[in-house]
N, C-alpha and C. Protein backbone atom coordinates (compact mmCIF):
# COMPACT_ATOMS: atom_id res chain seq x y z
N UNK A 1 -82.96 -103.47 -58.92
CA UNK A 1 -84.54 -104.15 -59.28
C UNK A 1 -84.08 -104.71 -60.86
N UNK A 2 -85.04 -105.36 -61.21
CA UNK A 2 -85.00 -105.84 -62.38
C UNK A 2 -86.28 -105.17 -63.47
N UNK A 3 -85.91 -105.37 -64.70
CA UNK A 3 -86.94 -104.44 -65.40
C UNK A 3 -88.35 -104.45 -65.04
N UNK A 4 -88.85 -105.74 -64.68
CA UNK A 4 -90.49 -105.46 -64.39
C UNK A 4 -90.73 -104.91 -63.28
N UNK A 5 -90.01 -104.88 -62.26
CA UNK A 5 -90.04 -103.93 -60.87
C UNK A 5 -89.66 -102.42 -61.42
N UNK A 6 -88.49 -102.34 -62.12
CA UNK A 6 -88.34 -100.89 -62.70
C UNK A 6 -90.00 -99.97 -63.37
N UNK A 7 -90.18 -101.10 -64.46
CA UNK A 7 -91.47 -100.69 -65.13
C UNK A 7 -92.57 -100.34 -64.24
N UNK A 8 -92.93 -101.01 -63.35
CA UNK A 8 -94.09 -100.75 -62.25
C UNK A 8 -93.54 -99.41 -61.65
N UNK A 9 -92.50 -99.27 -61.13
CA UNK A 9 -91.67 -98.07 -60.36
C UNK A 9 -92.35 -97.01 -60.84
N UNK A 10 -91.72 -97.03 -62.47
CA UNK A 10 -91.48 -95.53 -63.06
C UNK A 10 -92.77 -95.19 -63.92
N UNK A 11 -93.76 -96.30 -64.04
CA UNK A 11 -95.16 -95.99 -64.45
C UNK A 11 -95.84 -95.28 -63.41
N UNK A 12 -95.64 -95.69 -62.15
CA UNK A 12 -96.44 -94.79 -60.94
C UNK A 12 -95.72 -93.38 -60.97
N UNK A 13 -94.47 -93.67 -60.69
CA UNK A 13 -93.62 -91.99 -60.65
C UNK A 13 -94.25 -90.98 -61.96
N UNK A 14 -94.23 -91.71 -63.01
CA UNK A 14 -94.90 -90.86 -64.21
C UNK A 14 -96.32 -90.18 -63.84
N UNK A 15 -96.96 -91.16 -63.41
CA UNK A 15 -98.51 -90.83 -63.35
C UNK A 15 -98.83 -89.84 -62.08
N UNK A 16 -97.70 -89.65 -61.46
CA UNK A 16 -97.80 -88.94 -60.25
C UNK A 16 -97.58 -87.44 -60.59
N UNK A 17 -96.83 -87.36 -62.12
CA UNK A 17 -96.28 -86.08 -62.51
C UNK A 17 -97.44 -85.20 -62.96
N UNK A 18 -97.39 -83.98 -62.48
CA UNK A 18 -98.16 -82.77 -63.28
C UNK A 18 -98.01 -82.76 -64.58
N UNK A 19 -99.00 -81.82 -65.39
CA UNK A 19 -98.41 -81.62 -66.52
C UNK A 19 -97.40 -80.55 -66.49
N UNK A 20 -97.58 -79.87 -65.68
CA UNK A 20 -96.33 -78.64 -65.60
C UNK A 20 -94.99 -79.35 -65.47
N UNK A 21 -95.13 -80.28 -64.04
CA UNK A 21 -93.73 -80.84 -64.24
C UNK A 21 -93.47 -81.58 -65.45
N UNK A 22 -93.98 -82.28 -66.06
CA UNK A 22 -93.42 -82.78 -67.50
C UNK A 22 -93.16 -81.97 -68.43
N UNK A 23 -93.90 -80.59 -68.34
CA UNK A 23 -93.53 -79.44 -69.30
C UNK A 23 -92.17 -78.97 -68.84
N UNK A 24 -91.99 -78.56 -67.94
CA UNK A 24 -90.57 -77.83 -66.94
C UNK A 24 -89.44 -78.96 -67.63
N UNK A 25 -89.73 -79.89 -66.94
CA UNK A 25 -88.57 -81.27 -67.10
C UNK A 25 -88.12 -81.40 -68.56
N UNK A 26 -89.16 -81.33 -69.23
CA UNK A 26 -88.65 -81.71 -71.13
C UNK A 26 -88.05 -80.52 -71.25
N UNK A 27 -88.75 -79.33 -70.91
CA UNK A 27 -87.67 -78.08 -71.44
C UNK A 27 -86.18 -77.89 -70.88
N UNK A 28 -86.28 -78.32 -69.48
CA UNK A 28 -84.72 -78.69 -69.19
C UNK A 28 -84.08 -79.36 -69.83
N UNK A 29 -84.64 -80.55 -70.21
CA UNK A 29 -83.80 -81.71 -70.88
C UNK A 29 -83.59 -80.94 -72.65
N UNK A 30 -84.40 -80.44 -73.04
CA UNK A 30 -83.84 -79.73 -74.16
C UNK A 30 -82.85 -78.85 -74.34
N UNK A 31 -82.91 -77.99 -73.31
CA UNK A 31 -81.50 -77.24 -72.87
C UNK A 31 -80.45 -77.62 -72.44
N UNK A 32 -80.44 -78.95 -71.79
CA UNK A 32 -79.30 -79.68 -71.64
C UNK A 32 -78.71 -80.12 -72.87
N UNK A 33 -79.75 -80.65 -73.69
CA UNK A 33 -79.09 -81.36 -74.74
C UNK A 33 -77.91 -80.47 -75.64
N UNK A 34 -78.18 -79.02 -75.51
CA UNK A 34 -77.25 -77.90 -76.36
C UNK A 34 -76.06 -78.50 -75.81
N UNK A 35 -75.89 -78.98 -74.54
CA UNK A 35 -74.20 -79.06 -73.99
C UNK A 35 -73.44 -80.33 -74.85
N UNK A 36 -74.33 -81.25 -75.04
CA UNK A 36 -73.64 -82.39 -75.82
C UNK A 36 -72.85 -82.14 -76.90
N UNK A 37 -72.02 -82.90 -77.17
CA UNK A 37 -71.18 -82.79 -78.35
C UNK A 37 -71.72 -83.64 -79.46
N UNK A 38 -73.10 -83.31 -79.62
CA UNK A 38 -73.61 -84.28 -80.82
C UNK A 38 -74.20 -83.39 -82.20
N UNK A 39 -73.85 -82.26 -82.16
CA UNK A 39 -74.56 -81.33 -83.16
C UNK A 39 -73.91 -81.27 -84.72
N UNK A 40 -72.77 -81.87 -84.69
CA UNK A 40 -72.24 -81.98 -86.24
C UNK A 40 -72.75 -82.93 -87.05
N UNK A 41 -73.36 -83.43 -86.75
CA UNK A 41 -74.34 -84.74 -87.44
C UNK A 41 -75.39 -84.36 -88.49
N UNK A 42 -75.80 -85.23 -89.11
CA UNK A 42 -76.73 -84.93 -90.11
C UNK A 42 -78.37 -85.53 -89.87
N UNK A 43 -78.41 -86.73 -89.61
CA UNK A 43 -79.56 -87.48 -89.29
C UNK A 43 -79.91 -87.77 -88.00
N UNK A 44 -80.99 -87.28 -87.45
CA UNK A 44 -81.13 -87.32 -86.22
C UNK A 44 -82.65 -88.21 -85.59
N UNK A 45 -82.60 -89.24 -85.15
CA UNK A 45 -83.82 -89.80 -84.71
C UNK A 45 -84.55 -89.56 -83.61
N UNK A 46 -85.84 -89.26 -84.08
CA UNK A 46 -86.47 -88.59 -82.66
C UNK A 46 -88.04 -89.29 -82.48
N UNK A 47 -88.06 -89.72 -81.27
CA UNK A 47 -89.53 -90.13 -80.85
C UNK A 47 -90.65 -89.11 -80.95
N UNK A 48 -91.83 -89.43 -81.05
CA UNK A 48 -92.72 -88.29 -80.91
C UNK A 48 -93.62 -88.83 -79.42
N UNK A 49 -93.76 -87.91 -78.64
CA UNK A 49 -94.20 -88.45 -77.05
C UNK A 49 -95.44 -88.99 -76.97
N UNK A 50 -95.77 -89.72 -76.28
CA UNK A 50 -97.12 -90.18 -75.68
C UNK A 50 -97.54 -89.34 -74.58
N UNK A 51 -98.45 -88.35 -74.86
CA UNK A 51 -98.60 -87.33 -73.67
C UNK A 51 -99.22 -88.13 -72.52
N UNK A 52 -100.40 -89.20 -72.95
CA UNK A 52 -101.16 -89.85 -71.56
C UNK A 52 -100.19 -90.66 -71.03
N UNK A 53 -98.78 -91.28 -71.40
CA UNK A 53 -98.03 -91.56 -70.62
C UNK A 53 -96.81 -90.81 -69.68
N UNK A 54 -97.28 -89.42 -70.04
CA UNK A 54 -96.30 -88.61 -69.45
C UNK A 54 -94.87 -88.81 -69.76
N UNK A 55 -94.43 -88.95 -71.25
CA UNK A 55 -93.03 -89.18 -71.45
C UNK A 55 -92.65 -87.79 -71.75
N UNK A 56 -91.15 -87.78 -71.79
CA UNK A 56 -90.86 -86.54 -71.83
C UNK A 56 -91.19 -85.47 -73.38
N UNK A 57 -91.79 -84.62 -73.33
CA UNK A 57 -92.16 -84.11 -74.39
C UNK A 57 -91.07 -83.46 -75.28
N UNK A 58 -90.88 -84.16 -76.71
CA UNK A 58 -89.34 -83.88 -77.65
C UNK A 58 -89.85 -82.55 -78.14
N UNK A 59 -91.22 -81.82 -78.31
CA UNK A 59 -91.25 -80.40 -78.97
C UNK A 59 -90.08 -79.69 -79.16
N UNK A 60 -89.45 -79.45 -77.84
CA UNK A 60 -88.35 -78.63 -77.71
C UNK A 60 -87.10 -79.25 -78.38
N UNK A 61 -87.17 -80.11 -78.47
CA UNK A 61 -85.85 -81.15 -79.21
C UNK A 61 -86.15 -80.78 -80.72
N UNK A 62 -87.06 -81.09 -81.08
CA UNK A 62 -87.85 -81.15 -82.24
C UNK A 62 -87.54 -79.54 -82.98
N UNK A 63 -87.77 -78.54 -82.49
CA UNK A 63 -87.49 -77.18 -82.65
C UNK A 63 -86.00 -76.77 -82.45
N UNK A 64 -85.18 -77.45 -81.70
CA UNK A 64 -83.58 -77.43 -81.84
C UNK A 64 -83.05 -77.70 -83.26
N UNK A 65 -83.73 -79.25 -83.27
CA UNK A 65 -83.35 -79.83 -84.54
C UNK A 65 -83.36 -79.11 -86.00
N UNK A 66 -84.80 -78.59 -85.92
CA UNK A 66 -85.32 -77.59 -87.08
C UNK A 66 -84.43 -76.47 -87.13
N UNK A 67 -84.26 -75.97 -86.13
CA UNK A 67 -83.64 -74.59 -85.79
C UNK A 67 -82.03 -74.66 -86.17
N UNK A 68 -81.39 -76.14 -86.19
CA UNK A 68 -79.98 -76.16 -86.72
C UNK A 68 -79.87 -76.78 -88.14
N UNK A 69 -81.04 -76.94 -88.65
CA UNK A 69 -81.06 -77.54 -90.31
C UNK A 69 -80.76 -78.93 -90.27
N UNK A 70 -81.61 -79.38 -89.15
CA UNK A 70 -81.01 -81.10 -89.21
C UNK A 70 -82.05 -81.92 -90.01
N UNK A 71 -81.62 -83.16 -90.44
CA UNK A 71 -82.50 -84.00 -90.80
C UNK A 71 -83.18 -84.91 -89.67
N UNK A 72 -84.61 -84.70 -89.71
CA UNK A 72 -85.19 -85.40 -88.47
C UNK A 72 -86.00 -86.45 -88.84
N UNK A 73 -85.56 -87.52 -88.44
CA UNK A 73 -86.05 -88.80 -88.82
C UNK A 73 -87.37 -89.42 -87.65
N UNK A 74 -88.40 -90.08 -87.80
CA UNK A 74 -89.52 -90.38 -87.17
C UNK A 74 -89.67 -91.73 -87.51
N UNK A 75 -90.11 -92.56 -86.50
CA UNK A 75 -90.57 -94.18 -86.76
C UNK A 75 -91.61 -94.13 -86.69
N UNK A 76 -92.09 -95.31 -87.52
CA UNK A 76 -93.70 -95.93 -87.52
C UNK A 76 -93.39 -97.23 -86.87
N UNK A 77 -94.16 -97.83 -85.97
CA UNK A 77 -94.24 -99.01 -85.46
C UNK A 77 -95.17 -99.91 -86.16
N UNK A 78 -94.23 -101.21 -86.25
CA UNK A 78 -95.20 -102.43 -86.69
C UNK A 78 -95.29 -103.46 -85.75
N UNK A 79 -96.04 -103.60 -85.02
CA UNK A 79 -96.28 -104.27 -83.83
C UNK A 79 -96.56 -105.75 -84.06
N UNK A 80 -96.42 -106.34 -85.27
CA UNK A 80 -96.54 -107.46 -85.62
C UNK A 80 -94.98 -107.96 -85.78
N UNK A 81 -94.39 -107.15 -86.13
CA UNK A 81 -92.59 -107.46 -86.30
C UNK A 81 -92.13 -107.18 -85.26
N UNK A 82 -92.61 -106.16 -84.58
CA UNK A 82 -91.96 -105.59 -83.30
C UNK A 82 -90.86 -104.52 -83.83
N UNK A 83 -91.06 -103.98 -85.17
CA UNK A 83 -90.26 -103.29 -85.58
C UNK A 83 -90.53 -101.81 -85.89
N UNK A 84 -89.40 -100.92 -86.22
CA UNK A 84 -89.53 -99.59 -86.35
C UNK A 84 -89.14 -99.50 -88.02
N UNK A 85 -90.10 -98.27 -88.67
CA UNK A 85 -89.57 -97.90 -90.33
C UNK A 85 -89.52 -96.67 -89.79
N UNK A 86 -88.42 -96.02 -90.54
CA UNK A 86 -88.18 -94.42 -90.47
C UNK A 86 -88.43 -93.88 -91.58
N UNK A 87 -88.86 -92.74 -91.29
CA UNK A 87 -89.42 -91.83 -92.27
C UNK A 87 -88.50 -90.53 -91.92
N UNK A 88 -88.24 -89.49 -93.24
CA UNK A 88 -87.82 -88.19 -92.83
C UNK A 88 -88.79 -87.27 -92.54
N UNK A 89 -88.62 -86.39 -91.74
CA UNK A 89 -89.98 -85.66 -91.65
C UNK A 89 -89.90 -84.03 -92.50
N UNK A 90 -90.72 -84.07 -93.33
CA UNK A 90 -90.77 -83.02 -93.92
C UNK A 90 -92.04 -82.23 -93.81
N UNK A 91 -92.05 -81.22 -94.76
CA UNK A 91 -93.32 -80.07 -94.38
C UNK A 91 -94.57 -80.95 -94.74
N UNK A 92 -94.52 -82.07 -95.49
CA UNK A 92 -95.64 -82.54 -96.28
C UNK A 92 -95.89 -84.19 -95.48
N UNK A 93 -94.94 -84.52 -94.30
CA UNK A 93 -95.18 -85.50 -93.43
C UNK A 93 -96.62 -85.60 -92.44
N UNK A 94 -97.39 -86.35 -92.73
CA UNK A 94 -98.63 -86.60 -91.96
C UNK A 94 -98.60 -87.25 -91.01
N UNK A 95 -98.88 -86.68 -89.59
CA UNK A 95 -98.46 -87.60 -88.37
C UNK A 95 -100.00 -88.06 -87.75
N UNK A 96 -100.33 -88.98 -87.38
CA UNK A 96 -101.15 -89.57 -86.94
C UNK A 96 -100.92 -90.48 -85.61
N UNK A 97 -102.19 -90.63 -84.85
CA UNK A 97 -101.81 -91.33 -83.52
C UNK A 97 -102.42 -92.67 -83.90
N UNK A 98 -101.47 -93.85 -83.61
CA UNK A 98 -101.85 -95.09 -83.78
C UNK A 98 -102.90 -95.77 -82.72
N UNK A 99 -103.27 -96.64 -82.88
CA UNK A 99 -104.08 -97.37 -81.77
C UNK A 99 -103.29 -97.51 -80.36
N UNK A 100 -102.08 -97.24 -80.00
CA UNK A 100 -101.37 -97.85 -79.19
C UNK A 100 -101.16 -96.22 -78.20
N UNK A 101 -101.53 -95.13 -79.22
CA UNK A 101 -101.50 -93.47 -78.57
C UNK A 101 -100.02 -92.94 -78.85
N UNK A 102 -99.43 -93.47 -79.99
CA UNK A 102 -97.97 -93.28 -80.32
C UNK A 102 -98.16 -92.23 -81.53
N UNK A 103 -97.84 -91.04 -81.55
CA UNK A 103 -97.78 -90.25 -82.79
C UNK A 103 -96.77 -90.83 -83.74
N UNK A 104 -97.35 -90.99 -85.09
CA UNK A 104 -96.32 -91.42 -86.04
C UNK A 104 -96.37 -90.88 -87.43
N UNK A 105 -95.55 -90.94 -88.10
CA UNK A 105 -95.97 -90.43 -89.51
C UNK A 105 -96.62 -91.65 -90.34
N UNK A 106 -97.22 -91.25 -91.28
CA UNK A 106 -98.39 -92.12 -92.15
C UNK A 106 -97.49 -92.98 -93.01
N UNK A 107 -96.39 -92.23 -93.48
CA UNK A 107 -95.80 -92.78 -94.65
C UNK A 107 -94.58 -91.76 -95.19
N UNK A 108 -94.11 -91.78 -96.04
CA UNK A 108 -93.28 -90.73 -96.61
C UNK A 108 -91.85 -91.40 -97.40
N UNK A 109 -90.54 -90.45 -96.98
CA UNK A 109 -89.38 -90.87 -97.55
C UNK A 109 -88.83 -91.79 -96.66
N UNK A 110 -88.38 -92.98 -96.84
CA UNK A 110 -87.90 -93.87 -95.93
C UNK A 110 -86.43 -93.50 -95.82
N UNK A 111 -85.73 -93.95 -94.78
CA UNK A 111 -84.40 -93.59 -94.22
C UNK A 111 -83.70 -94.82 -93.79
N UNK A 112 -82.81 -95.49 -94.42
CA UNK A 112 -82.59 -96.63 -93.51
C UNK A 112 -81.54 -96.27 -92.13
N UNK A 113 -81.71 -97.28 -91.51
CA UNK A 113 -80.88 -96.94 -90.12
C UNK A 113 -79.74 -96.71 -90.09
N UNK A 114 -79.06 -97.39 -91.20
CA UNK A 114 -77.62 -97.21 -91.54
C UNK A 114 -77.01 -95.74 -91.53
N UNK A 115 -78.19 -94.81 -91.97
CA UNK A 115 -77.86 -93.50 -92.35
C UNK A 115 -78.10 -92.72 -90.99
N UNK A 116 -78.57 -93.01 -90.05
CA UNK A 116 -79.00 -92.17 -88.84
C UNK A 116 -77.72 -91.65 -88.02
N UNK A 117 -77.57 -90.89 -87.57
CA UNK A 117 -76.19 -90.29 -86.80
C UNK A 117 -76.49 -90.57 -85.26
N UNK A 118 -77.52 -89.99 -84.59
CA UNK A 118 -77.97 -89.74 -83.50
C UNK A 118 -79.44 -90.12 -83.28
N UNK A 119 -79.44 -90.95 -82.15
CA UNK A 119 -80.97 -91.35 -81.90
C UNK A 119 -81.32 -91.10 -80.50
N UNK A 120 -82.41 -90.07 -80.25
CA UNK A 120 -82.98 -90.07 -78.89
C UNK A 120 -84.14 -90.88 -78.50
N UNK A 121 -83.72 -91.85 -77.16
CA UNK A 121 -84.66 -92.97 -76.99
C UNK A 121 -85.29 -92.77 -75.82
N UNK A 122 -86.60 -93.13 -75.79
CA UNK A 122 -87.49 -92.95 -74.84
C UNK A 122 -87.44 -94.12 -74.05
N UNK A 123 -87.44 -94.04 -72.71
CA UNK A 123 -87.29 -94.81 -71.71
C UNK A 123 -88.16 -94.86 -70.71
N UNK A 124 -88.26 -95.62 -69.85
CA UNK A 124 -88.70 -95.78 -68.37
C UNK A 124 -87.84 -95.62 -67.27
N UNK A 125 -86.65 -96.50 -67.49
CA UNK A 125 -85.70 -96.31 -66.38
C UNK A 125 -84.19 -96.24 -66.88
N UNK A 126 -83.19 -95.90 -66.56
CA UNK A 126 -81.95 -96.30 -66.73
C UNK A 126 -80.86 -96.56 -65.55
N UNK A 127 -79.83 -97.20 -65.88
CA UNK A 127 -78.79 -97.42 -64.76
C UNK A 127 -77.32 -96.43 -64.93
N UNK A 128 -76.77 -96.32 -64.05
CA UNK A 128 -75.53 -95.80 -63.95
C UNK A 128 -74.53 -96.25 -65.07
N UNK A 129 -74.72 -97.69 -65.71
CA UNK A 129 -73.74 -98.14 -66.93
C UNK A 129 -74.23 -97.61 -68.25
N UNK A 130 -75.62 -96.96 -68.20
CA UNK A 130 -76.09 -97.00 -69.52
C UNK A 130 -77.13 -97.81 -70.02
N UNK A 131 -77.44 -98.85 -68.93
CA UNK A 131 -78.42 -99.68 -69.54
C UNK A 131 -79.75 -99.13 -69.21
N UNK A 132 -80.93 -99.42 -69.98
CA UNK A 132 -82.15 -98.73 -69.85
C UNK A 132 -83.52 -99.89 -69.96
N UNK A 133 -84.21 -99.40 -69.73
CA UNK A 133 -85.73 -100.19 -70.00
C UNK A 133 -86.38 -99.26 -70.33
N UNK A 134 -87.38 -99.98 -71.61
CA UNK A 134 -88.52 -99.22 -71.88
C UNK A 134 -89.80 -99.84 -71.53
N UNK A 135 -90.63 -100.29 -72.61
CA UNK A 135 -92.06 -100.89 -72.28
C UNK A 135 -91.80 -102.30 -72.42
N UNK A 136 -90.87 -102.73 -72.90
CA UNK A 136 -90.33 -104.12 -72.90
C UNK A 136 -90.73 -105.19 -74.47
N UNK A 137 -90.95 -104.33 -75.25
CA UNK A 137 -91.28 -104.99 -76.45
C UNK A 137 -90.00 -105.15 -77.49
N UNK A 138 -89.01 -104.52 -77.05
CA UNK A 138 -87.64 -104.42 -77.80
C UNK A 138 -87.84 -103.76 -79.10
N UNK A 139 -88.21 -102.56 -79.49
CA UNK A 139 -88.47 -102.06 -80.82
C UNK A 139 -86.91 -101.26 -80.71
N UNK A 140 -86.73 -100.68 -80.05
CA UNK A 140 -85.43 -99.81 -79.99
C UNK A 140 -84.14 -100.67 -79.70
N UNK A 141 -84.14 -101.73 -79.22
CA UNK A 141 -83.21 -102.63 -79.37
C UNK A 141 -82.86 -103.43 -80.58
N UNK A 142 -84.10 -103.58 -81.47
CA UNK A 142 -83.89 -103.98 -82.86
C UNK A 142 -83.55 -103.07 -83.74
N UNK A 143 -84.08 -102.14 -83.73
CA UNK A 143 -83.83 -100.69 -84.27
C UNK A 143 -82.27 -100.21 -84.37
N UNK A 144 -81.59 -100.41 -83.04
CA UNK A 144 -80.21 -99.96 -82.75
C UNK A 144 -79.23 -100.94 -83.26
N UNK A 145 -79.80 -102.16 -83.40
CA UNK A 145 -79.07 -102.97 -83.57
C UNK A 145 -78.78 -102.91 -85.62
N UNK A 146 -79.88 -102.52 -86.13
CA UNK A 146 -79.66 -102.19 -87.57
C UNK A 146 -78.77 -100.86 -87.91
N UNK A 147 -78.61 -99.81 -86.82
CA UNK A 147 -77.75 -98.55 -87.05
C UNK A 147 -76.27 -99.24 -86.98
N UNK A 148 -75.34 -98.13 -87.59
CA UNK A 148 -73.87 -98.23 -87.60
C UNK A 148 -73.35 -98.47 -86.06
N UNK A 149 -72.24 -98.95 -85.71
CA UNK A 149 -72.03 -99.03 -84.42
C UNK A 149 -71.36 -97.65 -83.98
N UNK A 150 -71.25 -96.63 -84.77
CA UNK A 150 -71.08 -95.08 -84.34
C UNK A 150 -72.25 -94.34 -83.81
N UNK A 151 -73.40 -94.93 -84.25
CA UNK A 151 -74.43 -94.36 -84.10
C UNK A 151 -74.40 -93.62 -82.49
N UNK A 152 -75.11 -92.52 -82.09
CA UNK A 152 -74.96 -91.82 -80.57
C UNK A 152 -76.59 -92.00 -80.34
N UNK A 153 -76.59 -92.64 -79.14
CA UNK A 153 -77.76 -93.27 -78.39
C UNK A 153 -78.06 -92.24 -77.33
N UNK A 154 -78.89 -91.44 -77.19
CA UNK A 154 -79.08 -90.50 -76.23
C UNK A 154 -80.42 -90.64 -75.71
N UNK A 155 -80.42 -91.18 -74.47
CA UNK A 155 -81.46 -91.43 -73.57
C UNK A 155 -82.43 -89.99 -73.28
N UNK A 156 -83.56 -89.83 -73.02
CA UNK A 156 -84.28 -88.97 -72.40
C UNK A 156 -84.99 -89.40 -71.15
N UNK A 157 -84.85 -88.89 -69.93
CA UNK A 157 -85.60 -89.24 -68.74
C UNK A 157 -86.01 -88.03 -67.74
N UNK A 158 -87.15 -88.27 -67.34
CA UNK A 158 -87.69 -87.05 -66.46
C UNK A 158 -86.76 -87.27 -64.79
N UNK A 159 -86.72 -88.53 -64.82
CA UNK A 159 -85.95 -89.21 -63.66
C UNK A 159 -84.59 -89.58 -63.40
N UNK A 160 -83.71 -89.27 -62.34
CA UNK A 160 -82.36 -89.66 -62.21
C UNK A 160 -81.96 -91.17 -62.11
N UNK A 161 -80.82 -91.72 -62.55
CA UNK A 161 -80.58 -93.28 -62.95
C UNK A 161 -80.84 -94.07 -61.52
N UNK A 162 -81.08 -95.37 -61.79
CA UNK A 162 -81.16 -96.03 -60.60
C UNK A 162 -79.42 -96.54 -60.39
N UNK A 163 -79.17 -97.47 -59.63
CA UNK A 163 -78.07 -97.97 -59.60
C UNK A 163 -77.38 -98.80 -60.45
N UNK A 164 -78.63 -100.08 -60.71
CA UNK A 164 -78.38 -101.01 -61.70
C UNK A 164 -79.52 -101.62 -61.90
N UNK A 165 -79.64 -102.21 -63.40
CA UNK A 165 -80.88 -102.96 -63.71
C UNK A 165 -80.34 -104.25 -63.79
N UNK A 166 -81.02 -105.03 -63.02
CA UNK A 166 -80.40 -106.67 -62.76
C UNK A 166 -80.43 -107.58 -63.86
N UNK A 167 -81.32 -107.68 -64.76
CA UNK A 167 -81.71 -108.54 -65.64
C UNK A 167 -81.13 -108.02 -67.15
N UNK A 168 -79.98 -107.50 -67.51
CA UNK A 168 -79.54 -107.06 -68.51
C UNK A 168 -79.42 -108.43 -69.53
N UNK A 169 -79.47 -108.29 -70.78
CA UNK A 169 -79.45 -109.43 -71.52
C UNK A 169 -78.78 -109.07 -72.81
N UNK A 170 -78.11 -109.73 -73.85
CA UNK A 170 -77.05 -109.50 -74.86
C UNK A 170 -77.78 -108.65 -75.65
N UNK A 171 -78.91 -108.75 -75.86
CA UNK A 171 -79.79 -107.90 -77.17
C UNK A 171 -79.74 -106.31 -76.38
N UNK A 172 -79.86 -106.28 -75.24
CA UNK A 172 -80.02 -104.82 -74.81
C UNK A 172 -78.98 -104.04 -75.31
N UNK A 173 -79.30 -102.77 -75.94
CA UNK A 173 -77.99 -101.83 -76.32
C UNK A 173 -78.27 -100.77 -75.37
N UNK A 174 -76.53 -100.52 -74.52
CA UNK A 174 -76.78 -99.45 -73.78
C UNK A 174 -76.56 -97.79 -74.37
N UNK A 175 -77.02 -97.13 -73.69
CA UNK A 175 -76.81 -95.63 -74.18
C UNK A 175 -75.31 -94.92 -74.01
N UNK A 176 -75.13 -93.97 -74.85
CA UNK A 176 -74.02 -93.21 -74.58
C UNK A 176 -74.29 -92.07 -73.63
N UNK A 177 -75.34 -91.37 -73.68
CA UNK A 177 -75.64 -90.46 -72.68
C UNK A 177 -77.13 -90.73 -72.35
N UNK A 178 -77.57 -90.11 -71.01
CA UNK A 178 -78.90 -90.15 -70.66
C UNK A 178 -78.91 -88.71 -70.20
N UNK A 179 -80.04 -87.67 -70.62
CA UNK A 179 -80.23 -86.41 -70.14
C UNK A 179 -81.51 -86.59 -69.53
N UNK A 180 -81.44 -85.97 -68.19
CA UNK A 180 -82.29 -85.71 -67.47
C UNK A 180 -82.66 -83.94 -66.92
N UNK A 181 -83.54 -83.80 -66.46
CA UNK A 181 -83.83 -82.34 -66.09
C UNK A 181 -82.60 -81.79 -65.36
N UNK A 182 -81.91 -82.60 -64.42
CA UNK A 182 -80.96 -82.13 -63.19
C UNK A 182 -79.31 -82.34 -63.76
N UNK A 183 -79.37 -83.28 -64.80
CA UNK A 183 -77.78 -83.69 -65.02
C UNK A 183 -77.76 -84.53 -66.60
N UNK A 184 -76.59 -84.57 -67.06
CA UNK A 184 -76.33 -85.35 -68.23
C UNK A 184 -75.07 -86.43 -67.76
N UNK A 185 -75.66 -87.63 -67.82
CA UNK A 185 -75.00 -88.64 -67.39
C UNK A 185 -74.01 -89.25 -68.96
N UNK A 186 -73.01 -89.60 -69.01
CA UNK A 186 -72.09 -90.05 -69.90
C UNK A 186 -71.63 -91.42 -69.59
N UNK A 187 -71.85 -92.37 -70.60
CA UNK A 187 -71.36 -93.50 -70.05
C UNK A 187 -70.22 -94.12 -71.38
């Protein structure tokens, strides 16, 4: 399937999920993440979930990161430039939902992409080679291109992998891992 077909398919699959399924799957994903060899780093970029779109709820991941005393980095979207500005999550960080339903920091201490060690990535679908598709705006591909080559890219998905995504291009940045409620995929 191509990205457009996959977006339609996975938006429908997500829509069919109950809030309980999203909650249980998200908890399974958070627990599975503990099995990954990613916990010896300092800066972790985390997305805050758009609950209306039934994305993986990352609250469990946030609790793990805070419990391990890690620096959590959240991004703010700039839709004019299709870019992300990254801010350190602190006790004084104000989170506000933007007009697209994305919870994000209002402002704060900016963290350069080059300082981030691990990025948890939202996605709609992924394949067995670690390719992924999101909503199609390219925010994460642009952001990941600014990170170091060593940055670990961890996708979070409530669904298993597709066999392959047909229309991958040179700007698409593949994942190192993808974690689902049932399995960890390593690429």
